[in-house]
Amino acid sequence: MTVVCLTLSRAEQSQVHAVRQAISQALAARAKESDFETLVKDIVSGEMAREVFKVAKEIYPIRRVEITKSKLEQIAAV
């Protein structure tokens, strides 16, 4: 997934890395626990962006979070 995260002011590089890592972990955890249909519904409805916003704002003040792209890379074996 491609996520756009806008901050209120310019962040230091260490804060940028921490926000990116937190976003990646939150997205991976959510993708792991959801099936594909639920995941797509959450991306389109904005629920996933709200969840990422809550995680990222604890590290640095965030203005907005948007998920702009998503791509299915692997289908899980059933």
PDB file of N, CA and C in Angstrom:
ATOM      1  N   MET A   1       0.836  -1.180   0.000  1.00  0.00           N
ATOM      2  CA  MET A   1       0.000   0.000   0.000  1.00  0.00           C
ATOM      3  C   MET A   1       0.878   1.239   0.000  1.00  0.00           C
ATOM      4  N   THR A   2       0.397   2.252  -0.645  1.00  0.00           N
ATOM      5  CA  THR A   2       1.080   3.537  -0.656  1.00  0.00           C
ATOM      6  C   THR A   2       0.292   4.491   0.242  1.00  0.00           C
ATOM      7  N   VAL A   3       0.974   5.025   1.237  1.00  0.00           N
ATOM      8  CA  VAL A   3       0.328   5.895   2.212  1.00  0.00           C
ATOM      9  C   VAL A   3       0.949   7.282   2.131  1.00  0.00           C
ATOM     10  N   VAL A   4       0.100   8.299   2.110  1.00  0.00           N
ATOM     11  CA  VAL A   4       0.544   9.688   2.168  1.00  0.00           C
ATOM     12  C   VAL A   4       0.225  10.193   3.565  1.00  0.00           C
ATOM     13  N   CYS A   5       1.250  10.696   4.238  1.00  0.00           N
ATOM     14  CA  CYS A   5       1.098  11.178   5.606  1.00  0.00           C
ATOM     15  C   CYS A   5       1.626  12.607   5.675  1.00  0.00           C
ATOM     16  N   LEU A   6       0.746  13.561   5.961  1.00  0.00           N
ATOM     17  CA  LEU A   6       1.124  14.967   6.023  1.00  0.00           C
ATOM     18  C   LEU A   6       1.211  15.402   7.485  1.00  0.00           C
ATOM     19  N   THR A   7       2.309  16.061   7.815  1.00  0.00           N
ATOM     20  CA  THR A   7       2.521  16.529   9.185  1.00  0.00           C
ATOM     21  C   THR A   7       2.174  18.005   9.290  1.00  0.00           C
ATOM     22  N   LEU A   8       2.042  18.479  10.520  1.00  0.00           N
ATOM     23  CA  LEU A   8       1.733  19.896  10.744  1.00  0.00           C
ATOM     24  C   LEU A   8       2.933  20.785  10.441  1.00  0.00           C
ATOM     25  N   SER A   9       4.133  20.283  10.706  1.00  0.00           N
ATOM     26  CA  SER A   9       5.354  21.031  10.414  1.00  0.00           C
ATOM     27  C   SER A   9       6.432  20.037  10.005  1.00  0.00           C
ATOM     28  N   ARG A  10       7.580  20.543   9.626  1.00  0.00           N
ATOM     29  CA  ARG A  10       8.653  19.679   9.156  1.00  0.00           C
ATOM     30  C   ARG A  10       9.186  18.813  10.297  1.00  0.00           C
ATOM     31  N   ALA A  11       9.224  17.513  10.066  1.00  0.00           N
ATOM     32  CA  ALA A  11       9.685  16.568  11.077  1.00  0.00           C
ATOM     33  C   ALA A  11      11.170  16.274  10.890  1.00  0.00           C
ATOM     34  N   GLU A  12      11.826  15.923  11.981  1.00  0.00           N
ATOM     35  CA  GLU A  12      13.216  15.496  11.894  1.00  0.00           C
ATOM     36  C   GLU A  12      13.272  14.099  11.269  1.00  0.00           C
ATOM     37  N   GLN A  13      14.426  13.744  10.747  1.00  0.00           N
ATOM     38  CA  GLN A  13      14.569  12.479  10.039  1.00  0.00           C
ATOM     39  C   GLN A  13      14.260  11.279  10.942  1.00  0.00           C
ATOM     40  N   SER A  14      14.666  11.340  12.197  1.00  0.00           N
ATOM     41  CA  SER A  14      14.390  10.230  13.108  1.00  0.00           C
ATOM     42  C   SER A  14      12.884  10.067  13.345  1.00  0.00           C
ATOM     43  N   GLN A  15      12.168  11.195  13.383  1.00  0.00           N
ATOM     44  CA  GLN A  15      10.719  11.130  13.553  1.00  0.00           C
ATOM     45  C   GLN A  15      10.046  10.583  12.305  1.00  0.00           C
ATOM     46  N   VAL A  16      10.567  10.953  11.139  1.00  0.00           N
ATOM     47  CA  VAL A  16      10.031  10.437   9.876  1.00  0.00           C
ATOM     48  C   VAL A  16      10.193   8.916   9.826  1.00  0.00           C
ATOM     49  N   HIS A  17      11.369   8.432  10.203  1.00  0.00           N
ATOM     50  CA  HIS A  17      11.612   6.988  10.204  1.00  0.00           C
ATOM     51  C   HIS A  17      10.684   6.281  11.199  1.00  0.00           C
ATOM     52  N   ALA A  18      10.486   6.864  12.364  1.00  0.00           N
ATOM     53  CA  ALA A  18       9.617   6.261  13.371  1.00  0.00           C
ATOM     54  C   ALA A  18       8.168   6.208  12.891  1.00  0.00           C
ATOM     55  N   VAL A  19       7.709   7.277  12.240  1.00  0.00           N
ATOM     56  CA  VAL A  19       6.336   7.300  11.718  1.00  0.00           C
ATOM     57  C   VAL A  19       6.177   6.261  10.620  1.00  0.00           C
ATOM     58  N   ARG A  20       7.138   6.170   9.704  1.00  0.00           N
ATOM     59  CA  ARG A  20       7.060   5.177   8.628  1.00  0.00           C
ATOM     60  C   ARG A  20       7.039   3.762   9.174  1.00  0.00           C
ATOM     61  N   GLN A  21       7.871   3.492  10.166  1.00  0.00           N
ATOM     62  CA  GLN A  21       7.910   2.158  10.757  1.00  0.00           C
ATOM     63  C   GLN A  21       6.584   1.834  11.450  1.00  0.00           C
ATOM     64  N   ALA A  22       6.038   2.780  12.165  1.00  0.00           N
ATOM     65  CA  ALA A  22       4.764   2.567  12.848  1.00  0.00           C
ATOM     66  C   ALA A  22       3.636   2.323  11.846  1.00  0.00           C
ATOM     67  N   ILE A  23       3.635   3.069  10.744  1.00  0.00           N
ATOM     68  CA  ILE A  23       2.628   2.877   9.709  1.00  0.00           C
ATOM     69  C   ILE A  23       2.755   1.496   9.091  1.00  0.00           C
ATOM     70  N   SER A  24       3.972   1.088   8.773  1.00  0.00           N
ATOM     71  CA  SER A  24       4.186  -0.235   8.175  1.00  0.00           C
ATOM     72  C   SER A  24       3.720  -1.344   9.108  1.00  0.00           C
ATOM     73  N   GLN A  25       4.041  -1.229  10.383  1.00  0.00           N
ATOM     74  CA  GLN A  25       3.632  -2.251  11.338  1.00  0.00           C
ATOM     75  C   GLN A  25       2.110  -2.292  11.496  1.00  0.00           C
ATOM     76  N   ALA A  26       1.481  -1.134  11.536  1.00  0.00           N
ATOM     77  CA  ALA A  26       0.021  -1.087  11.691  1.00  0.00           C
ATOM     78  C   ALA A  26      -0.671  -1.688  10.469  1.00  0.00           C
ATOM     79  N   LEU A  27      -0.180  -1.363   9.270  1.00  0.00           N
ATOM     80  CA  LEU A  27      -0.776  -1.907   8.052  1.00  0.00           C
ATOM     81  C   LEU A  27      -0.565  -3.412   7.961  1.00  0.00           C
ATOM     82  N   ALA A  28       0.624  -3.887   8.296  1.00  0.00           N
ATOM     83  CA  ALA A  28       0.911  -5.321   8.236  1.00  0.00           C
ATOM     84  C   ALA A  28       0.043  -6.095   9.225  1.00  0.00           C
ATOM     85  N   ALA A  29      -0.113  -5.558  10.426  1.00  0.00           N
ATOM     86  CA  ALA A  29      -0.935  -6.230  11.428  1.00  0.00           C
ATOM     87  C   ALA A  29      -2.390  -6.286  10.985  1.00  0.00           C
ATOM     88  N   ARG A  30      -2.887  -5.194  10.442  1.00  0.00           N
ATOM     89  CA  ARG A  30      -4.281  -5.154   9.993  1.00  0.00           C
ATOM     90  C   ARG A  30      -4.505  -6.079   8.802  1.00  0.00           C
ATOM     91  N   ALA A  31      -3.552  -6.120   7.879  1.00  0.00           N
ATOM     92  CA  ALA A  31      -3.679  -6.990   6.705  1.00  0.00           C
ATOM     93  C   ALA A  31      -3.625  -8.457   7.112  1.00  0.00           C
ATOM     94  N   LYS A  32      -2.850  -8.767   8.137  1.00  0.00           N
ATOM     95  CA  LYS A  32      -2.710 -10.146   8.580  1.00  0.00           C
ATOM     96  C   LYS A  32      -3.997 -10.667   9.215  1.00  0.00           C
ATOM     97  N   GLU A  33      -4.705  -9.811   9.923  1.00  0.00           N
ATOM     98  CA  GLU A  33      -5.897 -10.261  10.641  1.00  0.00           C
ATOM     99  C   GLU A  33      -7.174 -10.170   9.812  1.00  0.00           C
ATOM    100  N   SER A  34      -7.132  -9.518   8.642  1.00  0.00           N
ATOM    101  CA  SER A  34      -8.332  -9.328   7.828  1.00  0.00           C
ATOM    102  C   SER A  34      -8.286 -10.186   6.576  1.00  0.00           C
ATOM    103  N   ASP A  35      -9.470 -10.514   6.063  1.00  0.00           N
ATOM    104  CA  ASP A  35      -9.506 -11.150   4.754  1.00  0.00           C
ATOM    105  C   ASP A  35      -9.492 -10.053   3.691  1.00  0.00           C
ATOM    106  N   PHE A  36      -9.349 -10.441   2.437  1.00  0.00           N
ATOM    107  CA  PHE A  36      -9.145  -9.468   1.360  1.00  0.00           C
ATOM    108  C   PHE A  36     -10.334  -8.519   1.199  1.00  0.00           C
ATOM    109  N   GLU A  37     -11.545  -9.047   1.237  1.00  0.00           N
ATOM    110  CA  GLU A  37     -12.730  -8.206   1.041  1.00  0.00           C
ATOM    111  C   GLU A  37     -12.866  -7.153   2.139  1.00  0.00           C
ATOM    112  N   THR A  38     -12.621  -7.566   3.373  1.00  0.00           N
ATOM    113  CA  THR A  38     -12.704  -6.631   4.493  1.00  0.00           C
ATOM    114  C   THR A  38     -11.615  -5.573   4.397  1.00  0.00           C
ATOM    115  N   LEU A  39     -10.429  -6.000   3.994  1.00  0.00           N
ATOM    116  CA  LEU A  39      -9.310  -5.075   3.858  1.00  0.00           C
ATOM    117  C   LEU A  39      -9.599  -4.006   2.806  1.00  0.00           C
ATOM    118  N   VAL A  40     -10.107  -4.420   1.665  1.00  0.00           N
ATOM    119  CA  VAL A  40     -10.443  -3.464   0.600  1.00  0.00           C
ATOM    120  C   VAL A  40     -11.544  -2.516   1.050  1.00  0.00           C
ATOM    121  N   LYS A  41     -12.544  -3.057   1.749  1.00  0.00           N
ATOM    122  CA  LYS A  41     -13.634  -2.208   2.246  1.00  0.00           C
ATOM    123  C   LYS A  41     -13.113  -1.155   3.222  1.00  0.00           C
ATOM    124  N   ASP A  42     -12.182  -1.549   4.105  1.00  0.00           N
ATOM    125  CA  ASP A  42     -11.609  -0.614   5.071  1.00  0.00           C
ATOM    126  C   ASP A  42     -10.740   0.444   4.401  1.00  0.00           C
ATOM    127  N   ILE A  43     -10.034   0.069   3.339  1.00  0.00           N
ATOM    128  CA  ILE A  43      -9.213   1.044   2.601  1.00  0.00           C
ATOM    129  C   ILE A  43     -10.110   2.065   1.921  1.00  0.00           C
ATOM    130  N   VAL A  44     -11.150   1.597   1.239  1.00  0.00           N
ATOM    131  CA  VAL A  44     -12.037   2.495   0.493  1.00  0.00           C
ATOM    132  C   VAL A  44     -12.841   3.390   1.426  1.00  0.00           C
ATOM    133  N   SER A  45     -13.299   2.851   2.546  1.00  0.00           N
ATOM    134  CA  SER A  45     -14.126   3.640   3.467  1.00  0.00           C
ATOM    135  C   SER A  45     -13.319   4.640   4.288  1.00  0.00           C
ATOM    136  N   GLY A  46     -11.997   4.430   4.375  1.00  0.00           N
ATOM    137  CA  GLY A  46     -11.162   5.339   5.147  1.00  0.00           C
ATOM    138  C   GLY A  46     -10.893   4.864   6.561  1.00  0.00           C
ATOM    139  N   GLU A  47     -11.438   3.719   6.921  1.00  0.00           N
ATOM    140  CA  GLU A  47     -11.226   3.175   8.266  1.00  0.00           C
ATOM    141  C   GLU A  47      -9.751   2.866   8.510  1.00  0.00           C
ATOM    142  N   MET A  48      -9.083   2.331   7.501  1.00  0.00           N
ATOM    143  CA  MET A  48      -7.664   2.005   7.636  1.00  0.00           C
ATOM    144  C   MET A  48      -6.840   3.279   7.812  1.00  0.00           C
ATOM    145  N   ALA A  49      -7.161   4.335   7.079  1.00  0.00           N
ATOM    146  CA  ALA A  49      -6.436   5.598   7.202  1.00  0.00           C
ATOM    147  C   ALA A  49      -6.632   6.198   8.597  1.00  0.00           C
ATOM    148  N   ARG A  50      -7.836   6.073   9.160  1.00  0.00           N
ATOM    149  CA  ARG A  50      -8.089   6.564  10.517  1.00  0.00           C
ATOM    150  C   ARG A  50      -7.248   5.811  11.542  1.00  0.00           C
ATOM    151  N   GLU A  51      -7.141   4.500  11.352  1.00  0.00           N
ATOM    152  CA  GLU A  51      -6.342   3.686  12.263  1.00  0.00           C
ATOM    153  C   GLU A  51      -4.863   4.076  12.191  1.00  0.00           C
ATOM    154  N   VAL A  52      -4.367   4.272  10.974  1.00  0.00           N
ATOM    155  CA  VAL A  52      -2.969   4.672  10.787  1.00  0.00           C
ATOM    156  C   VAL A  52      -2.740   6.054  11.384  1.00  0.00           C
ATOM    157  N   PHE A  53      -3.698   6.950  11.225  1.00  0.00           N
ATOM    158  CA  PHE A  53      -3.603   8.295  11.793  1.00  0.00           C
ATOM    159  C   PHE A  53      -3.439   8.234  13.313  1.00  0.00           C
ATOM    160  N   LYS A  54      -4.232   7.387  13.965  1.00  0.00           N
ATOM    161  CA  LYS A  54      -4.162   7.263  15.426  1.00  0.00           C
ATOM    162  C   LYS A  54      -2.794   6.773  15.873  1.00  0.00           C
ATOM    163  N   VAL A  55      -2.221   5.826  15.114  1.00  0.00           N
ATOM    164  CA  VAL A  55      -0.905   5.285  15.468  1.00  0.00           C
ATOM    165  C   VAL A  55       0.184   6.336  15.251  1.00  0.00           C
ATOM    166  N   ALA A  56       0.129   7.038  14.127  1.00  0.00           N
ATOM    167  CA  ALA A  56       1.198   7.975  13.758  1.00  0.00           C
ATOM    168  C   ALA A  56       1.166   9.250  14.589  1.00  0.00           C
ATOM    169  N   LYS A  57       0.005   9.695  15.013  1.00  0.00           N
ATOM    170  CA  LYS A  57      -0.067  10.959  15.754  1.00  0.00           C
ATOM    171  C   LYS A  57       0.555  10.859  17.136  1.00  0.00           C
ATOM    172  N   GLU A  58       0.762   9.649  17.646  1.00  0.00           N
ATOM    173  CA  GLU A  58       1.431   9.484  18.934  1.00  0.00           C
ATOM    174  C   GLU A  58       2.921   9.784  18.828  1.00  0.00           C
ATOM    175  N   ILE A  59       3.479   9.686  17.623  1.00  0.00           N
ATOM    176  CA  ILE A  59       4.904   9.929  17.408  1.00  0.00           C
ATOM    177  C   ILE A  59       5.167  11.388  17.054  1.00  0.00           C
ATOM    178  N   TYR A  60       4.350  11.937  16.135  1.00  0.00           N
ATOM    179  CA  TYR A  60       4.537  13.310  15.673  1.00  0.00           C
ATOM    180  C   TYR A  60       3.169  13.856  15.244  1.00  0.00           C
ATOM    181  N   PRO A  61       2.886  15.144  15.442  1.00  0.00           N
ATOM    182  CA  PRO A  61       1.586  15.702  15.040  1.00  0.00           C
ATOM    183  C   PRO A  61       1.334  15.537  13.541  1.00  0.00           C
ATOM    184  N   ILE A  62       0.233  14.893  13.213  1.00  0.00           N
ATOM    185  CA  ILE A  62      -0.114  14.562  11.839  1.00  0.00           C
ATOM    186  C   ILE A  62      -1.328  15.390  11.426  1.00  0.00           C
ATOM    187  N   ARG A  63      -1.305  15.883  10.198  1.00  0.00           N
ATOM    188  CA  ARG A  63      -2.435  16.635   9.660  1.00  0.00           C
ATOM    189  C   ARG A  63      -3.426  15.711   8.960  1.00  0.00           C
ATOM    190  N   ARG A  64      -2.902  14.796   8.125  1.00  0.00           N
ATOM    191  CA  ARG A  64      -3.787  13.951   7.323  1.00  0.00           C
ATOM    192  C   ARG A  64      -3.059  12.690   6.894  1.00  0.00           C
ATOM    193  N   VAL A  65      -3.814  11.604   6.776  1.00  0.00           N
ATOM    194  CA  VAL A  65      -3.283  10.335   6.272  1.00  0.00           C
ATOM    195  C   VAL A  65      -4.240   9.821   5.206  1.00  0.00           C
ATOM    196  N   GLU A  66      -3.701   9.461   4.062  1.00  0.00           N
ATOM    197  CA  GLU A  66      -4.495   8.905   2.964  1.00  0.00           C
ATOM    198  C   GLU A  66      -3.792   7.676   2.404  1.00  0.00           C
ATOM    199  N   ILE A  67      -4.556   6.664   2.064  1.00  0.00           N
ATOM    200  CA  ILE A  67      -4.019   5.502   1.362  1.00  0.00           C
ATOM    201  C   ILE A  67      -4.356   5.704  -0.106  1.00  0.00           C
ATOM    202  N   THR A  68      -3.316   5.897  -0.923  1.00  0.00           N
ATOM    203  CA  THR A  68      -3.542   6.251  -2.320  1.00  0.00           C
ATOM    204  C   THR A  68      -3.514   5.066  -3.268  1.00  0.00           C
ATOM    205  N   LYS A  69      -2.745   4.029  -2.935  1.00  0.00           N
ATOM    206  CA  LYS A  69      -2.656   2.854  -3.800  1.00  0.00           C
ATOM    207  C   LYS A  69      -2.641   1.601  -2.952  1.00  0.00           C
ATOM    208  N   SER A  70      -3.154   0.533  -3.519  1.00  0.00           N
ATOM    209  CA  SER A  70      -3.031  -0.778  -2.884  1.00  0.00           C
ATOM    210  C   SER A  70      -2.871  -1.810  -3.987  1.00  0.00           C
ATOM    211  N   LYS A  71      -2.074  -2.835  -3.699  1.00  0.00           N
ATOM    212  CA  LYS A  71      -1.776  -3.839  -4.709  1.00  0.00           C
ATOM    213  C   LYS A  71      -1.712  -5.204  -4.033  1.00  0.00           C
ATOM    214  N   LEU A  72      -2.369  -6.205  -4.623  1.00  0.00           N
ATOM    215  CA  LEU A  72      -2.313  -7.565  -4.130  1.00  0.00           C
ATOM    216  C   LEU A  72      -1.063  -8.210  -4.714  1.00  0.00           C
ATOM    217  N   GLU A  73      -0.137  -8.594  -3.841  1.00  0.00           N
ATOM    218  CA  GLU A  73       1.111  -9.178  -4.305  1.00  0.00           C
ATOM    219  C   GLU A  73       1.134 -10.683  -4.222  1.00  0.00           C
ATOM    220  N   GLN A  74       0.404 -11.249  -3.296  1.00  0.00           N
ATOM    221  CA  GLN A  74       0.437 -12.690  -3.114  1.00  0.00           C
ATOM    222  C   GLN A  74      -0.898 -13.153  -2.571  1.00  0.00           C
ATOM    223  N   ILE A  75      -1.397 -14.241  -3.101  1.00  0.00           N
ATOM    224  CA  ILE A  75      -2.629 -14.838  -2.606  1.00  0.00           C
ATOM    225  C   ILE A  75      -2.240 -15.932  -1.626  1.00  0.00           C
ATOM    226  N   ALA A  76      -2.815 -15.888  -0.461  1.00  0.00           N
ATOM    227  CA  ALA A  76      -2.493 -16.867   0.576  1.00  0.00           C
ATOM    228  C   ALA A  76      -3.036 -18.236   0.192  1.00  0.00           C
ATOM    229  N   ALA A  77      -2.269 -19.255   0.461  1.00  0.00           N
ATOM    230  CA  ALA A  77      -2.713 -20.620   0.204  1.00  0.00           C
ATOM    231  C   ALA A  77      -3.720 -21.029   1.254  1.00  0.00           C
ATOM    232  N   VAL A  78      -4.802 -21.651   0.814  1.00  0.00           N
ATOM    233  CA  VAL A  78      -5.862 -22.057   1.739  1.00  0.00           C
ATOM    234  C   VAL A  78      -5.766 -23.523   2.018  1.00  0.00           C
TER     235      VAL A  78
END
